[in-house]
Amino acid sequence: MNDESQNKMGTPTPEELREQVERTRDELGQTVEALAAKADIKAQAKEKTAAVKEQAAEKAAVAREQAAEKAAAVKEQAAEKTAVVREQAAEKAAAASGQIREKTEQAAQLVKDRTPDAVLEKTAQAAAQVRESAAQAKRYAAEKTPGPLLEKADRAATAARANRTPLIVGGAVLVAFLLIRRSRGRNR
């Protein structure tokens, strides 16, 4: 039996042995590296530190996002509450304005009711004299005033006629005030 026949029977050739030794060395090197990695506490600590940092960064990003969402929600709620407060303030202002208008009308009526008839008659006479004087002034102005200015004056007179009652009430109040003031001046 020669060498070749022995090789076929189960004895490995030197080349096969070298390959087997190389494979064993590789496996052994990998095993040693794995054991060294398990034994290397510093490297494991670095890996865990990096993992913890990554997790902390992710959690911080999530927390920032949640905080931004909550801030936006709070801002929206504040805007809604501000709108409601403004609306309520506008409603209260409108109600107060209505009350003031009503009280003013009541006060004007009260002054009118408490004004003596003599004062009302004098006021009516004064108003008639004012109307007559105004009519005379109107005629005189119409004769002496250019056309465009007459048109503007006519518009003003129309506006005054449209608001005759408030003007008469205002005149009556003024006359009553002056008469009361005059009578108080005499009593001193």
Protein backbone atom coordinates (compact mmCIF):
# COMPACT_ATOMS: atom_id res chain seq x y z
CA MET A 1 0.00 0.00 0.00
CA ASN A 2 1.30 3.34 -0.96
CA ASP A 3 0.80 6.82 0.44
CA GLU A 4 -2.08 7.62 -1.79
CA SER A 5 -4.05 4.60 -0.76
CA GLN A 6 -3.53 5.49 2.91
CA ASN A 7 -4.82 8.97 2.29
CA LYS A 8 -7.97 7.63 0.86
CA MET A 9 -8.53 5.44 3.84
CA GLY A 10 -8.72 8.21 6.41
CA THR A 11 -5.31 9.65 6.98
CA PRO A 12 -5.32 13.31 6.03
CA THR A 13 -2.72 14.77 3.72
CA PRO A 14 -0.40 17.50 4.96
CA GLU A 15 -2.31 20.11 3.00
CA GLU A 16 -5.60 19.06 4.54
CA LEU A 17 -3.96 19.24 7.93
CA ARG A 18 -2.75 22.79 7.21
CA GLU A 19 -6.25 23.83 6.16
CA GLN A 20 -7.71 22.22 9.25
CA VAL A 21 -5.13 23.99 11.44
CA GLU A 22 -5.95 27.33 9.74
CA ARG A 23 -9.68 26.83 10.32
CA THR A 24 -9.05 25.91 13.92
CA ARG A 25 -6.84 29.00 14.36
CA ASP A 26 -9.58 31.21 12.88
CA GLU A 27 -12.22 29.68 15.11
CA LEU A 28 -9.92 29.95 18.10
CA GLY A 29 -9.14 33.62 17.25
CA GLN A 30 -12.84 34.40 17.02
CA THR A 31 -13.48 32.64 20.31
CA VAL A 32 -10.62 34.56 21.95
CA GLU A 33 -11.93 37.84 20.55
CA ALA A 34 -15.41 37.06 21.89
CA LEU A 35 -14.00 36.20 25.30
CA ALA A 36 -11.84 39.33 25.27
CA ALA A 37 -14.87 41.43 24.36
CA LYS A 38 -16.79 39.93 27.26
CA ALA A 39 -13.90 40.56 29.57
CA ASP A 40 -13.34 44.15 28.31
CA ILE A 41 -15.49 46.06 30.81
CA LYS A 42 -14.34 49.44 29.50
CA ALA A 43 -15.61 48.71 25.99
CA GLN A 44 -18.88 47.35 27.35
CA ALA A 45 -19.29 50.49 29.47
CA LYS A 46 -18.66 52.67 26.41
CA GLU A 47 -21.23 50.72 24.40
CA LYS A 48 -23.80 50.99 27.19
CA THR A 49 -23.02 54.69 27.62
CA ALA A 50 -23.52 55.27 23.92
CA ALA A 51 -26.80 53.32 24.02
CA VAL A 52 -28.01 55.28 27.08
CA LYS A 53 -27.04 58.58 25.41
CA GLU A 54 -28.96 57.61 22.31
CA GLN A 55 -32.01 56.65 24.36
CA ALA A 56 -31.77 59.90 26.34
CA ALA A 57 -31.54 61.93 23.13
CA GLU A 58 -34.60 60.13 21.74
CA LYS A 59 -36.55 60.70 24.97
CA ALA A 60 -35.50 64.37 25.02
CA ALA A 61 -36.68 64.80 21.43
CA VAL A 62 -40.03 63.20 22.32
CA ALA A 63 -40.31 65.40 25.42
CA ARG A 64 -39.55 68.54 23.37
CA GLU A 65 -42.17 67.56 20.82
CA GLN A 66 -44.76 66.92 23.55
CA ALA A 67 -43.90 70.22 25.23
CA ALA A 68 -44.29 72.07 21.93
CA GLU A 69 -47.67 70.41 21.37
CA LYS A 70 -48.82 71.30 24.90
CA ALA A 71 -47.57 74.88 24.48
CA ALA A 72 -49.50 75.18 21.22
CA ALA A 73 -52.62 73.82 22.92
CA VAL A 74 -52.23 76.26 25.84
CA LYS A 75 -51.68 79.12 23.40
CA GLU A 76 -54.83 78.15 21.49
CA GLN A 77 -56.83 77.94 24.73
CA ALA A 78 -55.52 81.36 25.78
CA ALA A 79 -56.53 82.82 22.42
CA GLU A 80 -60.01 81.33 22.78
CA LYS A 81 -60.36 82.69 26.32
CA THR A 82 -59.15 86.11 25.15
CA ALA A 83 -61.75 86.10 22.38
CA VAL A 84 -64.47 85.21 24.89
CA VAL A 85 -63.34 87.97 27.28
CA ARG A 86 -63.31 90.50 24.43
CA GLU A 87 -66.78 89.44 23.37
CA GLN A 88 -68.07 89.74 26.93
CA ALA A 89 -66.45 93.17 27.28
CA ALA A 90 -68.07 94.32 24.05
CA GLU A 91 -71.46 93.06 25.25
CA LYS A 92 -71.05 94.84 28.60
CA ALA A 93 -69.98 98.04 26.85
CA ALA A 94 -73.01 97.88 24.57
CA ALA A 95 -75.29 97.30 27.55
CA ALA A 96 -73.69 100.19 29.46
CA SER A 97 -74.05 102.44 26.41
CA GLY A 98 -77.73 101.54 26.16
CA GLN A 99 -78.22 102.26 29.85
CA ILE A 100 -76.45 105.62 29.54
CA ARG A 101 -78.60 106.54 26.54
CA GLU A 102 -81.73 105.55 28.45
CA LYS A 103 -80.69 107.52 31.55
CA THR A 104 -79.91 110.56 29.38
CA GLU A 105 -83.33 110.40 27.78
CA GLN A 106 -84.92 110.06 31.22
CA ALA A 107 -82.92 113.03 32.52
CA ALA A 108 -83.93 115.16 29.51
CA GLN A 109 -87.58 114.23 30.03
CA LEU A 110 -87.28 114.95 33.75
CA VAL A 111 -85.81 118.39 33.04
CA LYS A 112 -88.58 119.04 30.55
CA ASP A 113 -91.24 117.85 33.03
CA ARG A 114 -89.84 119.95 35.90
CA THR A 115 -89.30 123.06 33.86
CA PRO A 116 -91.99 125.60 34.69
CA ASP A 117 -94.49 126.44 31.98
CA ALA A 118 -93.30 130.04 31.94
CA VAL A 119 -89.81 128.88 31.05
CA LEU A 120 -91.17 126.60 28.34
CA GLU A 121 -93.20 129.51 26.93
CA LYS A 122 -90.15 131.77 26.97
CA THR A 123 -88.16 129.02 25.31
CA ALA A 124 -90.82 128.63 22.65
CA GLN A 125 -90.85 132.43 22.13
CA ALA A 126 -87.04 132.45 21.95
CA ALA A 127 -87.17 129.60 19.46
CA ALA A 128 -89.70 131.50 17.38
CA GLN A 129 -87.51 134.60 17.47
CA VAL A 130 -84.51 132.50 16.51
CA ARG A 131 -86.47 131.01 13.63
CA GLU A 132 -87.57 134.44 12.47
CA SER A 133 -84.03 135.80 12.77
CA ALA A 134 -82.73 132.76 10.95
CA ALA A 135 -85.25 133.29 8.17
CA GLN A 136 -84.20 136.94 7.85
CA ALA A 137 -80.53 135.94 7.90
CA LYS A 138 -81.28 133.32 5.30
CA ARG A 139 -82.90 135.86 3.00
CA TYR A 140 -80.07 138.31 3.49
CA ALA A 141 -77.46 135.60 3.00
CA ALA A 142 -79.28 134.32 -0.09
CA GLU A 143 -79.09 137.78 -1.62
CA LYS A 144 -75.40 138.28 -0.81
CA THR A 145 -73.98 134.74 -0.97
CA PRO A 146 -72.67 132.93 -4.09
CA GLY A 147 -74.57 129.86 -5.37
CA PRO A 148 -72.27 126.99 -4.18
CA LEU A 149 -72.17 128.40 -0.67
CA LEU A 150 -75.97 128.64 -0.65
CA GLU A 151 -76.22 124.94 -1.48
CA LYS A 152 -74.02 124.02 1.49
CA ALA A 153 -75.99 126.30 3.80
CA ASP A 154 -79.23 124.75 2.59
CA ARG A 155 -77.91 121.28 3.44
CA ALA A 156 -76.95 122.45 6.94
CA ALA A 157 -80.40 123.99 7.47
CA THR A 158 -82.06 120.77 6.33
CA ALA A 159 -79.99 118.81 8.85
CA ALA A 160 -80.98 121.23 11.61
CA ARG A 161 -84.67 120.88 10.68
CA ALA A 162 -84.36 117.11 10.74
CA ASN A 163 -82.96 117.33 14.29
CA ARG A 164 -85.34 120.02 15.54
CA THR A 165 -86.50 118.22 18.67
CA PRO A 166 -83.03 117.65 20.16
CA LEU A 167 -82.13 121.27 19.37
CA ILE A 168 -85.29 122.59 21.08
CA VAL A 169 -84.75 120.34 24.10
CA GLY A 170 -81.13 121.47 24.28
CA GLY A 171 -82.23 125.11 24.08
CA ALA A 172 -84.82 124.55 26.78
CA VAL A 173 -82.25 122.93 29.03
CA LEU A 174 -79.85 125.81 28.42
CA VAL A 175 -82.50 128.43 29.16
CA ALA A 176 -83.60 126.56 32.29
CA PHE A 177 -80.00 126.37 33.45
CA LEU A 178 -79.45 130.06 32.85
CA LEU A 179 -82.67 131.00 34.65
CA ILE A 180 -81.84 128.81 37.63
CA ARG A 181 -78.36 130.23 37.78
CA ARG A 182 -79.71 133.75 37.54
CA SER A 183 -82.23 133.16 40.34
CA ARG A 184 -79.56 131.71 42.60
CA GLY A 185 -77.37 134.72 41.93
CA ARG A 186 -80.14 137.03 43.14
CA ASN A 187 -80.65 135.02 46.33
CA ARG A 188 -77.08 135.51 47.51
